[in-house]
């Protein structure tokens, strides 16, 4: 079955301290309990979720006038021939042209109507931006020589996103693709609306002890869910404005599909003081122009490759070769899943990427850096290879509810390579579980058309014949070299895969990773992916499994490897991990970092160590 047909069949590392866009998630909450009413002086805070009481649409619109204005706009849009709410912010002439061209296309307008009855469905333009190199796929190859834009339209009724690629110069639609069960990044106006809804909700005022201002909310455009609420059961579009109070954060879950508060939840932040921000340092325009809008070529130590920043899949390496032989078609980090409660299923689904044309709370900080890898013998002699490192951070990191991540690609002179990164805290809680989702399209040293994945069963290598997954924890069978997987080609090339179990000298505690093998299809990640998978599942359901319905054969096929580690943070003194805090040193406020590194090593068969 082809990629498009299969999709239609579905429903719907050593750390350099210098490091996404946040989307948020949330098992059924316990019975609602009273929230504290004594404000900042409250001695006890009930950590359990509190669901908001019922309210009629009229009452909600009376409380939040912007909801009434928005409802009037919906009424007008649904009565029109093009029942799609246009983009709500200011855009330049090219983006406006792309916007209007997209909304004039029958195949785009069709996504806003019920296919059986033709009734209009609520759909809204969420983003219009120039097409970047990481967006270009086989279907949009014509855009390499033209001025194309990407228009993202979200359907609230079906929880689907249509991505339209428009050639502005030619005045035509190049391609459109509807992605079921996906949500795009939100425009600033929707974040402002969510903050307004939260700040005017009595449950939030009761929890904080007073009604906050809309401007007090952090991360108002962060997509979220609260399991057991309509956000989770009905796949509504929800966001998570967050209010900081001392060493706690109050999450206000706002359902933008229904225009109401769903509930609130407190998390502990741990004890720390916020570091002062002395300079912006993000250099957004330079990063966009140098690393997002073009690729950078590197040739060193026998390796040749290109790298680029993507809109939401972090730093991507493409066309990687060692001594002229293809090794990697593409390697990138498509999501960060962050859970703050195993019982309640509450947290974020993060993405990292370019600093512009997104609503990222954590963005690329400057551009990628290239570092020497010191020789393993510690001699101080010639470098053992090099690493490409990208830093992503919130502007106020390491303050509470701010994040910092790194991606790290290590390339060794003997042909080994490691793909991973690190979480450098601090986050919105001190009991977080982080699961970064790596997509590695490795060509096993051949041309990428006949890869064979095998798993060690304790005695012999067993070929992996069908798409699937397995857990590479301490109980998984290993070879004597600690390599439970290998990828080979018919000509004898290939790599053994060594998951991180804390053996790489980077202070990490191991990955306990889920690994997935899927058959390669261009529409399953060659271009920039929207958020895949929920934030808070503790099992294999991390997103890549959606590309296995129904499962296809992968023996002697072009395959993609997905790798999802499990990183558990701590702020316990002496045991800090995936954590950061601000401390005073030498009369200055500085960040003290306790990183958690991750990522597998790939070792050439017959060489390396």
Protein backbone atom coordinates (compact mmCIF):
# COMPACT_ATOMS: atom_id res chain seq x y z
CA UNK A 1 0.00 0.00 0.00
CA UNK A 2 1.44 3.41 -0.89
CA UNK A 3 2.03 6.13 1.66
CA UNK A 4 -0.94 8.31 0.57
CA UNK A 5 -3.24 5.29 0.30
CA UNK A 6 -2.15 4.01 3.67
CA UNK A 7 -2.65 7.43 5.23
CA UNK A 8 -6.13 7.60 3.77
CA UNK A 9 -6.87 4.18 5.26
CA UNK A 10 -6.08 5.46 8.73
CA UNK A 11 -8.49 7.22 10.97
CA UNK A 12 -9.24 10.63 10.17
CA UNK A 13 25.32 12.60 24.22
CA UNK A 14 28.06 14.75 25.51
CA UNK A 15 26.42 18.07 26.32
CA UNK A 16 27.55 21.53 25.37
CA UNK A 17 25.68 23.87 27.72
CA UNK A 18 24.13 26.22 25.30
CA UNK A 19 20.89 24.97 23.91
CA UNK A 20 10.95 24.06 21.04
CA UNK A 21 7.77 25.09 20.48
CA UNK A 22 5.49 23.82 23.11
CA UNK A 23 2.28 21.95 22.64
CA UNK A 24 0.67 20.57 25.75
CA UNK A 25 -1.34 17.38 26.75
CA UNK A 26 -3.09 15.64 29.60
CA UNK A 27 -5.90 9.84 32.43
CA UNK A 28 -9.12 10.73 33.86
CA UNK A 29 -8.83 13.40 36.57
CA UNK A 30 -10.09 12.72 40.09
CA UNK A 31 -13.26 14.25 41.43
CA UNK A 32 -12.90 18.05 41.46
CA UNK A 33 -11.92 19.51 44.80
CA UNK A 34 -12.04 23.08 46.11
CA UNK A 35 -9.19 25.33 45.02
CA UNK A 36 -7.29 27.49 47.51
CA UNK A 37 -8.86 30.89 48.05
CA UNK A 38 -6.29 32.68 50.16
CA UNK A 39 -4.01 33.76 47.32
CA UNK A 40 -0.25 33.71 47.60
CA UNK A 41 -0.39 33.10 51.34
CA UNK A 42 -2.25 29.79 50.95
CA UNK A 43 -0.49 27.16 53.10
CA UNK A 44 -1.76 24.13 51.19
CA UNK A 45 -2.38 23.66 47.50
CA UNK A 46 -4.38 20.67 46.26
CA UNK A 47 -2.31 19.33 43.34
CA UNK A 48 -5.21 17.47 41.75
CA UNK A 49 -6.90 18.84 38.63
CA UNK A 50 -10.01 20.96 39.09
CA UNK A 51 -12.55 20.94 36.27
CA UNK A 52 -14.44 24.13 35.54
CA UNK A 53 -18.18 24.26 36.12
CA UNK A 54 -20.67 24.42 33.25
CA UNK A 55 -21.49 27.73 31.62
CA UNK A 56 -23.76 28.64 28.73
CA UNK A 57 -22.30 30.22 25.58
CA UNK A 58 -24.16 33.41 26.45
CA UNK A 59 -22.60 33.54 29.92
CA UNK A 60 -19.15 32.92 28.50
CA UNK A 61 -19.55 35.65 25.89
CA UNK A 62 -20.79 38.07 28.54
CA UNK A 63 -17.72 37.33 30.65
CA UNK A 64 -15.33 37.53 27.67
CA UNK A 65 -16.57 40.03 25.04
CA UNK A 66 -13.93 38.81 22.56
CA UNK A 67 -15.82 35.51 22.40
CA UNK A 68 -18.94 37.31 21.23
CA UNK A 69 -16.94 39.09 18.54
CA UNK A 70 -15.42 35.79 17.45
CA UNK A 71 -18.82 34.08 17.35
CA UNK A 72 -20.13 36.80 15.07
CA UNK A 73 -17.16 36.23 12.77
CA UNK A 74 -17.91 32.50 12.72
CA UNK A 75 -21.54 33.16 11.86
CA UNK A 76 -20.54 35.29 8.90
CA UNK A 77 -17.92 32.81 7.68
CA UNK A 78 -20.23 29.80 7.87
CA UNK A 79 -22.87 31.63 5.85
CA UNK A 80 -20.41 32.48 3.07
CA UNK A 81 -19.39 30.51 0.01
CA UNK A 82 -15.93 30.08 1.56
CA UNK A 83 -16.66 28.95 5.15
CA UNK A 84 -13.12 29.42 6.46
CA UNK A 85 -12.23 32.05 9.04
CA UNK A 86 -9.36 34.07 7.55
CA UNK A 87 -6.05 34.68 9.28
CA UNK A 88 -6.53 37.04 12.21
CA UNK A 89 -3.20 38.90 12.16
CA UNK A 90 -1.41 41.35 9.91
CA UNK A 91 0.53 39.79 7.02
CA UNK A 92 2.58 41.18 4.16
CA UNK A 93 1.51 41.32 0.51
CA UNK A 94 2.99 37.96 -0.54
CA UNK A 95 1.49 36.15 2.41
CA UNK A 96 -1.89 37.82 1.75
CA UNK A 97 -1.76 36.69 -1.88
CA UNK A 98 -0.95 33.13 -0.80
CA UNK A 99 -3.74 33.26 1.77
CA UNK A 100 -6.35 34.42 -0.74
CA UNK A 101 -5.20 32.01 -3.46
CA UNK A 102 -5.49 29.07 -1.06
CA UNK A 103 -8.99 30.06 0.04
CA UNK A 104 -10.10 30.26 -3.58
CA UNK A 105 -9.26 26.63 -4.38
CA UNK A 106 -12.12 24.06 -4.44
CA UNK A 107 -9.99 21.32 -2.85
CA UNK A 108 -9.12 23.65 0.02
CA UNK A 109 -12.70 24.79 0.53
CA UNK A 110 -13.85 21.17 0.52
CA UNK A 111 -12.07 20.53 3.82
CA UNK A 112 -14.43 23.00 5.49
CA UNK A 113 -17.57 21.08 4.53
CA UNK A 114 -19.00 17.77 5.66
CA UNK A 115 -18.36 15.29 2.84
CA UNK A 116 -21.80 13.67 3.23
CA UNK A 117 -24.08 16.68 3.72
CA UNK A 118 -22.04 19.61 2.45
CA UNK A 119 -22.74 21.47 5.70
CA UNK A 120 -20.05 24.04 6.59
CA UNK A 121 -17.58 23.13 9.32
CA UNK A 122 -15.59 25.51 11.48
CA UNK A 123 -12.14 25.95 9.93
CA UNK A 124 -9.60 28.70 10.41
CA UNK A 125 -6.37 29.83 8.77
CA UNK A 126 -3.73 29.41 11.46
CA UNK A 127 -0.50 30.26 9.69
CA UNK A 128 0.78 31.72 6.42
CA UNK A 129 4.52 31.75 5.88
CA UNK A 130 7.18 31.37 3.18
CA UNK A 131 8.04 27.81 2.26
CA UNK A 132 11.39 26.83 3.77
CA UNK A 133 13.84 24.21 2.44
CA UNK A 134 12.74 21.65 5.03
CA UNK A 135 9.14 21.92 3.76
CA UNK A 136 9.97 20.88 0.20
CA UNK A 137 8.96 17.34 -0.75
CA UNK A 138 8.53 15.51 -4.04
CA UNK A 139 5.04 16.99 -4.37
CA UNK A 140 6.35 20.56 -3.98
CA UNK A 141 9.66 20.21 -5.81
CA UNK A 142 8.62 22.98 -8.24
CA UNK A 143 8.96 25.44 -5.36
CA UNK A 144 12.74 25.12 -5.36
CA UNK A 145 12.73 27.54 -8.29
CA UNK A 146 9.77 29.70 -7.33
CA UNK A 147 8.31 31.85 -4.55
CA UNK A 148 6.04 29.52 -2.61
CA UNK A 149 4.17 29.93 0.64
CA UNK A 150 2.63 27.47 3.09
CA UNK A 151 -0.93 27.99 4.36
CA UNK A 152 -2.13 25.92 7.34
CA UNK A 153 -5.88 25.61 7.94
CA UNK A 154 -7.31 23.87 11.00
CA UNK A 155 -10.72 22.18 11.03
CA UNK A 156 -12.15 22.32 14.55
CA UNK A 157 -14.88 19.78 13.76
CA UNK A 158 -12.58 17.02 12.50
CA UNK A 159 -9.34 17.92 14.33
CA UNK A 160 -7.50 17.89 11.01
CA UNK A 161 -5.07 20.31 9.41
CA UNK A 162 -4.86 21.09 5.71
CA UNK A 163 -1.44 22.22 4.49
CA UNK A 164 -1.62 24.11 1.19
CA UNK A 165 1.47 25.06 -0.78
CA UNK A 166 0.90 28.08 -3.02
CA UNK A 167 3.16 29.44 -5.74
CA UNK A 168 2.66 33.19 -5.37
CA UNK A 169 4.57 34.11 -8.52
CA UNK A 170 2.59 31.71 -10.71
CA UNK A 171 -0.67 32.31 -8.88
CA UNK A 172 -1.47 28.63 -8.42
CA UNK A 173 -1.92 25.92 -5.84
CA UNK A 174 1.06 23.53 -5.99
CA UNK A 175 -0.17 20.91 -3.54
CA UNK A 176 -2.57 20.39 -0.67
CA UNK A 177 -2.57 17.68 1.96
CA UNK A 178 -5.02 17.03 4.79
CA UNK A 179 -3.42 15.57 7.90
CA UNK A 180 -5.90 13.87 10.25
CA UNK A 181 -5.60 14.24 14.02
CA UNK A 182 -3.01 17.00 13.80
CA UNK A 183 -3.04 20.54 15.10
CA UNK A 184 -0.95 23.43 13.73
CA UNK A 185 0.78 26.11 15.76
CA UNK A 186 -1.53 28.90 16.91
CA UNK A 187 -1.46 32.53 15.75
CA UNK A 188 -0.85 35.15 18.47
CA UNK A 189 -4.48 36.30 18.43
CA UNK A 190 -5.69 32.90 19.62
CA UNK A 191 -3.10 32.92 22.38
CA UNK A 192 -4.37 36.32 23.48
CA UNK A 193 -7.94 35.01 23.48
CA UNK A 194 -6.96 32.02 25.59
CA UNK A 195 -5.25 34.28 28.13
CA UNK A 196 -8.37 36.45 28.27
CA UNK A 197 -10.63 33.43 28.85
CA UNK A 198 -8.36 32.14 31.61
CA UNK A 199 -7.94 35.47 33.36
CA UNK A 200 -11.73 36.01 33.45
CA UNK A 201 -12.59 32.52 34.73
CA UNK A 202 -13.67 32.27 38.40
CA UNK A 203 -11.80 28.98 38.86
CA UNK A 204 -8.51 30.70 38.04
CA UNK A 205 -9.27 33.61 40.35
CA UNK A 206 -10.20 31.18 43.16
CA UNK A 207 -6.98 29.22 42.73
CA UNK A 208 -4.77 32.32 42.69
CA UNK A 209 -6.70 34.20 45.37
CA UNK A 210 -7.42 37.07 42.97
CA UNK A 211 -8.31 37.61 39.35
CA UNK A 212 -5.13 37.86 37.24
CA UNK A 213 -4.65 40.01 34.20
CA UNK A 214 -4.48 38.43 30.76
CA UNK A 215 -0.92 39.70 30.49
CA UNK A 216 0.08 37.65 33.53
CA UNK A 217 -0.32 34.40 31.60
CA UNK A 218 2.72 32.65 30.20
CA UNK A 219 2.64 30.36 27.13
CA UNK A 220 -1.00 31.14 26.20
CA UNK A 221 -0.60 29.61 22.73
CA UNK A 222 0.77 26.27 23.96
CA UNK A 223 -1.48 23.44 22.78
CA UNK A 224 -2.65 21.19 25.60
CA UNK A 225 -5.11 18.61 26.84
CA UNK A 226 -6.39 17.31 30.18
CA UNK A 227 -7.16 13.61 29.90
CA UNK A 228 -10.78 12.91 30.78
CA UNK A 229 -11.87 16.35 29.55
CA UNK A 230 -13.36 17.16 26.17
CA UNK A 231 -9.89 18.20 25.03
CA UNK A 232 -8.79 14.57 25.18
CA UNK A 233 -12.02 12.68 24.48
CA UNK A 234 -13.16 14.89 21.60
CA UNK A 235 -9.76 16.02 20.33
CA UNK A 236 -10.54 19.68 20.83
CA UNK A 237 -7.96 22.40 20.28
CA UNK A 238 -6.81 23.40 23.75
CA UNK A 239 -4.06 25.65 25.08
CA UNK A 240 -2.41 26.12 28.46
CA UNK A 241 -1.96 29.68 29.80
CA UNK A 242 0.21 29.32 32.91
CA UNK A 243 0.34 31.59 35.98
CA UNK A 244 3.42 31.57 38.22
CA UNK A 245 2.89 31.99 41.98
CA UNK A 246 6.02 31.56 44.08
CA UNK A 247 7.40 28.08 43.47
CA UNK A 248 4.18 26.84 41.86
CA UNK A 249 2.60 27.12 38.42
CA UNK A 250 -1.15 27.13 37.83
CA UNK A 251 -2.05 25.67 34.44
CA UNK A 252 -5.34 26.95 33.06
CA UNK A 253 -6.59 24.62 30.34
CA UNK A 254 -8.61 26.56 27.77
CA UNK A 255 -10.71 24.84 25.10
CA UNK A 256 -10.62 27.07 22.02
CA UNK A 257 -13.05 24.81 20.18
CA UNK A 258 -15.75 25.59 22.76
CA UNK A 259 -14.32 28.90 23.98
CA UNK A 260 -14.24 27.96 27.67
CA UNK A 261 -12.01 27.03 30.58
CA UNK A 262 -11.74 23.26 31.01
CA UNK A 263 -9.94 23.20 34.34
CA UNK A 264 -6.86 24.09 36.32
CA UNK A 265 -3.91 22.20 37.73
CA UNK A 266 -1.03 23.19 40.01
CA UNK A 267 2.53 21.92 39.52
CA UNK A 268 5.57 22.49 41.74
CA UNK A 269 8.51 24.36 40.30
CA UNK A 270 11.11 23.71 42.95
CA UNK A 271 13.12 26.37 44.72
CA UNK A 272 15.16 28.77 42.58
CA UNK A 273 15.50 32.39 41.63
CA UNK A 274 15.10 33.57 38.07
CA UNK A 275 18.20 34.66 36.23
CA UNK A 276 18.17 38.23 35.01
CA UNK A 277 17.79 38.66 31.26
CA UNK A 278 20.46 41.06 30.02
CA UNK A 279 20.25 40.59 26.28
CA UNK A 280 17.86 39.09 23.76
CA UNK A 281 20.55 37.08 21.98
CA UNK A 282 18.23 35.16 19.69
CA UNK A 283 19.14 37.07 16.53
CA UNK A 284 16.01 35.81 14.83
CA UNK A 285 16.52 37.42 11.46
CA UNK A 286 20.11 36.22 11.11
CA UNK A 287 19.18 32.68 12.12
CA UNK A 288 16.30 32.62 9.64
CA UNK A 289 18.35 33.96 6.75
CA UNK A 290 21.45 31.86 7.40
CA UNK A 291 20.11 28.55 8.70
CA UNK A 292 16.37 28.29 7.93
CA UNK A 293 16.20 29.68 4.42
CA UNK A 294 19.28 27.87 3.14
CA UNK A 295 21.39 24.80 3.88
CA UNK A 296 25.00 24.81 5.08
CA UNK A 297 27.44 22.29 3.59
CA UNK A 298 30.20 20.72 5.71
CA UNK A 299 33.13 18.57 4.53
CA UNK A 300 35.44 17.35 7.26
CA UNK A 301 37.16 14.22 8.61
CA UNK A 302 35.90 12.07 5.73
CA UNK A 303 32.31 13.31 6.14
CA UNK A 304 30.22 15.44 3.80
CA UNK A 305 26.73 16.69 4.67
CA UNK A 306 24.32 19.59 4.72
CA UNK A 307 22.36 20.91 7.69
CA UNK A 308 19.44 23.30 8.12
CA UNK A 309 16.98 24.47 10.72
CA UNK A 310 13.39 23.42 10.10
CA UNK A 311 10.12 25.11 11.13
CA UNK A 312 9.26 22.48 13.76
CA UNK A 313 11.58 19.45 13.39
CA UNK A 314 14.65 21.06 14.91
CA UNK A 315 18.05 20.86 13.25
CA UNK A 316 18.10 18.43 10.32
CA UNK A 317 21.12 16.75 8.74
CA UNK A 318 20.62 15.69 5.11
CA UNK A 319 22.61 13.84 2.45
CA UNK A 320 25.24 12.63 4.93
CA UNK A 321 28.11 10.63 3.39
CA UNK A 322 31.24 9.06 4.80
CA UNK A 323 34.17 8.70 2.42
CA UNK A 324 31.69 9.27 -0.42
CA UNK A 325 29.30 6.52 0.64
CA UNK A 326 25.68 7.47 1.54
CA UNK A 327 24.97 7.07 5.27
CA UNK A 328 21.94 9.23 6.22
CA UNK A 329 19.24 10.70 4.02
CA UNK A 330 17.77 12.74 6.89
CA UNK A 331 18.05 12.88 10.69
CA UNK A 332 16.03 15.24 12.88
CA UNK A 333 14.08 15.62 16.14
CA UNK A 334 10.38 15.96 15.39
CA UNK A 335 8.84 16.29 18.90
CA UNK A 336 9.48 16.56 22.62
CA UNK A 337 6.79 14.79 24.68
CA UNK A 338 6.79 16.04 28.27
CA UNK A 339 4.60 14.50 30.99
CA UNK A 340 4.30 15.95 34.49
CA UNK A 341 1.99 13.33 35.98
CA UNK A 342 1.94 9.60 35.36
CA UNK A 343 -1.48 9.29 37.03
CA UNK A 344 -3.20 12.27 35.44
CA UNK A 345 -1.54 12.23 32.03
CA UNK A 346 -0.67 15.93 32.01
CA UNK A 347 2.07 17.76 30.14
CA UNK A 348 3.29 19.06 26.80
CA UNK A 349 4.05 17.93 23.27
CA UNK A 350 6.98 20.11 22.30
CA UNK A 351 8.56 20.91 18.99
CA UNK A 352 11.73 22.87 18.24
CA UNK A 353 12.64 24.87 15.18
CA UNK A 354 13.15 28.21 13.48
CA UNK A 355 12.54 31.40 15.46
CA UNK A 356 10.14 33.04 12.97
CA UNK A 357 6.87 32.04 11.27
CA UNK A 358 5.85 30.07 14.35
CA UNK A 359 4.53 30.68 17.84
CA UNK A 360 7.37 28.77 19.49
CA UNK A 361 7.91 29.33 23.17
CA UNK A 362 11.38 27.79 22.85
CA UNK A 363 13.27 28.67 19.69
CA UNK A 364 16.65 28.30 18.02
CA UNK A 365 19.23 30.32 19.94
CA UNK A 366 21.77 31.59 17.43
CA UNK A 367 22.85 29.09 14.79
CA UNK A 368 24.44 25.64 14.89
CA UNK A 369 27.95 25.35 16.29
CA UNK A 370 30.67 22.90 15.20
CA UNK A 371 32.89 21.47 17.94
CA UNK A 372 35.92 19.17 17.95
CA UNK A 373 35.46 15.76 19.55
CA UNK A 374 38.43 15.15 21.87
CA UNK A 375 40.41 11.94 21.34
CA UNK A 376 39.10 9.02 23.37
CA UNK A 377 42.49 8.40 24.97
CA UNK A 378 42.54 11.88 26.47
CA UNK A 379 45.89 12.62 24.87
CA UNK A 380 44.91 16.07 23.73
CA UNK A 381 46.04 15.22 20.23
CA UNK A 382 44.15 15.34 16.97
CA UNK A 383 40.36 15.56 17.27
CA UNK A 384 38.45 12.28 17.02
CA UNK A 385 35.88 13.94 14.76
CA UNK A 386 33.40 16.75 15.18
CA UNK A 387 29.93 17.54 16.53
CA UNK A 388 27.22 19.82 15.18
CA UNK A 389 25.22 21.31 18.07
CA UNK A 390 22.08 23.45 18.08
CA UNK A 391 20.75 25.30 21.12
CA UNK A 392 17.02 25.93 21.65
CA UNK A 393 15.84 27.94 24.65
CA UNK A 394 13.11 30.08 26.13
CA UNK A 395 14.15 33.69 26.53
CA UNK A 396 13.77 33.63 30.34
CA UNK A 397 15.43 30.25 30.92
CA UNK A 398 16.20 29.01 33.62
CA UNK A 399 13.16 30.67 35.17
CA UNK A 400 10.18 28.43 35.92
CA UNK A 401 8.15 27.28 32.91
CA UNK A 402 11.02 27.99 30.55
CA UNK A 403 12.81 25.29 28.58
CA UNK A 404 16.17 24.59 27.02
CA UNK A 405 17.11 21.75 24.70
CA UNK A 406 20.12 20.85 22.57
CA UNK A 407 20.43 18.69 19.51
CA UNK A 408 23.79 17.07 18.95
CA UNK A 409 25.18 15.12 15.99
CA UNK A 410 28.57 13.49 16.62
CA UNK A 411 30.56 12.31 13.57
CA UNK A 412 33.76 10.31 14.15
CA UNK A 413 36.82 9.77 11.96
CA UNK A 414 36.29 5.99 12.00
CA UNK A 415 32.77 6.24 10.56
CA UNK A 416 30.77 6.04 13.79
CA UNK A 417 28.05 8.60 14.42
CA UNK A 418 25.73 9.45 17.29
CA UNK A 419 22.41 11.27 16.99
CA UNK A 420 20.84 12.80 20.08
CA UNK A 421 20.95 15.81 22.32
CA UNK A 422 20.00 16.84 25.84
CA UNK A 423 17.34 18.46 27.98
CA UNK A 424 18.72 21.23 30.17
CA UNK A 425 15.55 21.97 32.19
CA UNK A 426 13.89 23.77 33.75
CA UNK A 427 10.33 23.19 32.69
CA UNK A 428 6.97 23.60 34.44
CA UNK A 429 7.47 20.98 37.15
CA UNK A 430 10.02 18.96 39.07
CA UNK A 431 8.57 15.52 38.25
CA UNK A 432 8.72 15.58 34.46
CA UNK A 433 9.27 12.71 32.05
CA UNK A 434 10.71 13.80 28.71
CA UNK A 435 10.49 11.73 25.52
CA UNK A 436 12.22 13.28 22.49
CA UNK A 437 11.19 11.71 19.15
CA UNK A 438 14.11 11.18 16.75
CA UNK A 439 13.52 10.34 13.09
CA UNK A 440 16.60 8.76 11.46
CA UNK A 441 16.41 7.89 7.77
CA UNK A 442 19.65 5.92 7.64
CA UNK A 443 20.77 4.35 4.35
CA UNK A 444 22.99 1.69 6.01
CA UNK A 445 25.95 2.56 3.82
CA UNK A 446 24.11 1.84 0.55
CA UNK A 447 21.69 3.71 -1.68
CA UNK A 448 18.74 3.48 0.70
CA UNK A 449 16.73 0.99 -1.34
CA UNK A 450 17.45 -2.35 0.36
CA UNK A 451 17.98 -1.95 4.10
CA UNK A 452 17.52 -4.93 6.44
CA UNK A 453 16.94 -4.33 10.15
CA UNK A 454 17.77 -7.22 12.50
CA UNK A 455 17.35 -7.63 16.25
CA UNK A 456 19.58 -9.74 18.49
CA UNK A 457 17.51 -12.40 20.30
CA UNK A 458 20.29 -13.46 22.64
CA UNK A 459 21.73 -16.05 20.25
CA UNK A 460 21.33 -14.96 16.61
CA UNK A 461 20.22 -11.98 14.56
CA UNK A 462 16.52 -12.10 13.68
CA UNK A 463 15.43 -10.03 10.64
CA UNK A 464 12.74 -7.46 11.35
CA UNK A 465 10.14 -8.40 8.70
CA UNK A 466 7.23 -6.06 9.45
CA UNK A 467 6.81 -2.51 10.70
CA UNK A 468 6.74 -2.44 14.49
CA UNK A 469 8.39 -1.32 17.71
CA UNK A 470 10.22 -2.67 20.74
CA UNK A 471 11.56 -1.36 24.04
CA UNK A 472 15.35 -1.16 24.37
CA UNK A 473 15.49 -1.21 28.16
CA UNK A 474 17.96 -3.13 30.33
CA UNK A 475 15.97 -6.35 29.77
CA UNK A 476 16.37 -6.24 25.98
CA UNK A 477 18.83 -8.84 24.58
CA UNK A 478 22.22 -7.31 23.77
CA UNK A 479 25.32 -8.48 21.99
CA UNK A 480 28.54 -8.43 23.98
CA UNK A 481 29.15 -4.98 22.46
CA UNK A 482 25.79 -3.66 23.71
CA UNK A 483 24.23 -3.54 20.24
CA UNK A 484 20.68 -5.01 20.09
CA UNK A 485 19.99 -3.79 16.52
CA UNK A 486 21.77 -3.59 13.21
CA UNK A 487 20.93 -2.22 9.77
CA UNK A 488 22.54 -3.88 6.76
CA UNK A 489 22.46 -3.83 2.97
CA UNK A 490 22.93 -6.57 0.40
CA UNK A 491 26.48 -5.39 -0.36
CA UNK A 492 27.59 -5.98 3.21
CA UNK A 493 27.48 -2.36 4.36
CA UNK A 494 25.67 -1.31 7.44
CA UNK A 495 25.69 -0.23 11.07
CA UNK A 496 25.17 -1.76 14.49
CA UNK A 497 23.02 0.37 16.79
CA UNK A 498 24.07 0.88 20.42
CA UNK A 499 21.35 2.59 22.50
CA UNK A 500 22.47 4.93 25.26
CA UNK A 501 22.66 3.06 28.57
CA UNK A 502 24.96 5.56 30.23
CA UNK A 503 28.14 4.19 28.62
CA UNK A 504 29.15 7.25 26.62
CA UNK A 505 30.74 9.28 29.41
CA UNK A 506 28.25 12.17 29.23
CA UNK A 507 26.69 11.76 32.68
CA UNK A 508 23.47 10.33 31.29
CA UNK A 509 21.48 7.59 33.02
CA UNK A 510 20.38 5.72 29.91
CA UNK A 511 17.51 6.12 27.48
CA UNK A 512 15.16 3.12 28.03
CA UNK A 513 14.11 3.98 24.49
CA UNK A 514 11.29 2.81 22.29
CA UNK A 515 12.58 2.07 18.80
CA UNK A 516 10.36 1.87 15.71
CA UNK A 517 11.00 0.70 12.16
CA UNK A 518 8.75 1.98 9.37
CA UNK A 519 8.93 1.65 5.62
CA UNK A 520 10.02 4.91 4.04
CA UNK A 521 7.27 7.06 2.50
CA UNK A 522 8.00 10.68 1.55
CA UNK A 523 4.78 11.96 3.16
CA UNK A 524 5.72 10.44 6.53
CA UNK A 525 8.39 12.90 7.53
CA UNK A 526 10.50 13.87 4.51
CA UNK A 527 8.95 17.31 4.91
CA UNK A 528 8.38 19.20 8.15
CA UNK A 529 6.02 17.24 10.42
CA UNK A 530 3.32 18.75 12.58
CA UNK A 531 3.05 17.47 16.16
CA UNK A 532 2.70 13.69 16.20
CA UNK A 533 1.57 11.66 19.18
CA UNK A 534 0.30 12.76 22.60
CA UNK A 535 2.50 14.07 25.36
CA UNK A 536 1.79 11.70 28.14
CA UNK A 537 1.54 8.06 27.08
CA UNK A 538 3.97 5.83 28.97
CA UNK A 539 3.86 3.03 26.39
CA UNK A 540 4.80 2.77 22.71
CA UNK A 541 2.14 5.27 21.63
CA UNK A 542 4.50 8.16 21.02
CA UNK A 543 3.51 9.02 17.43
CA UNK A 544 5.59 6.90 15.02
CA UNK A 545 3.12 4.00 15.41
CA UNK A 546 0.59 5.99 13.36
CA UNK A 547 2.78 5.29 10.31
CA UNK A 548 2.23 1.53 10.71
CA UNK A 549 -1.50 1.27 9.96
CA UNK A 550 -1.70 -1.27 8.45
CA UNK A 551 1.85 -2.62 9.02
CA UNK A 552 3.96 -3.10 5.89
CA UNK A 553 6.87 -5.41 5.13
CA UNK A 554 10.28 -3.92 5.90
CA UNK A 555 12.61 -6.76 5.00
CA UNK A 556 14.96 -5.63 2.21
CA UNK A 557 13.16 -2.28 2.06
CA UNK A 558 14.02 1.39 2.42
CA UNK A 559 13.30 1.98 6.11
CA UNK A 560 13.18 4.78 8.69
CA UNK A 561 14.31 4.30 12.29
CA UNK A 562 12.50 6.22 15.06
CA UNK A 563 14.05 6.44 18.51
CA UNK A 564 12.18 7.75 21.59
CA UNK A 565 14.15 7.88 24.88
CA UNK A 566 12.63 8.24 28.36
CA UNK A 567 14.29 10.90 30.53
CA UNK A 568 13.04 11.49 34.09
CA UNK A 569 13.93 14.80 35.71
CA UNK A 570 14.73 15.53 39.35
CA UNK A 571 15.52 18.56 41.49
CA UNK A 572 16.54 16.51 44.56
CA UNK A 573 19.85 17.91 45.85
CA UNK A 574 22.68 15.68 44.75
CA UNK A 575 20.47 13.88 42.24
CA UNK A 576 19.48 16.69 39.88
CA UNK A 577 18.80 15.60 36.30
CA UNK A 578 17.14 17.32 33.35
CA UNK A 579 17.19 20.39 35.57
CA UNK A 580 18.48 23.93 35.80
CA UNK A 581 18.40 26.59 38.47
CA UNK A 582 19.61 30.15 38.88
CA UNK A 583 22.26 30.75 41.53
CA UNK A 584 24.43 33.64 42.62
CA UNK A 585 28.10 33.28 41.77
CA UNK A 586 30.62 36.09 41.93
CA UNK A 587 27.85 38.61 42.51
CA UNK A 588 26.04 37.53 39.34
CA UNK A 589 23.00 35.39 38.68
CA UNK A 590 24.08 32.41 36.61
CA UNK A 591 22.47 29.16 35.49
CA UNK A 592 23.54 25.89 37.08
CA UNK A 593 22.64 23.07 34.70
CA UNK A 594 22.10 19.34 35.29
CA UNK A 595 21.60 18.02 31.75
CA UNK A 596 20.23 14.66 30.69
CA UNK A 597 21.80 13.51 27.43
CA UNK A 598 20.36 10.91 25.09
CA UNK A 599 20.87 9.27 21.73
CA UNK A 600 22.13 6.05 20.12
CA UNK A 601 25.54 5.37 18.59
CA UNK A 602 25.83 3.85 15.11
CA UNK A 603 28.93 1.70 14.58
CA UNK A 604 30.06 0.58 11.09
CA UNK A 605 29.94 -3.18 10.73
CA UNK A 606 33.48 -4.49 10.66
CA UNK A 607 34.95 -1.26 12.02
CA UNK A 608 34.78 1.34 14.77
CA UNK A 609 34.34 0.64 18.45
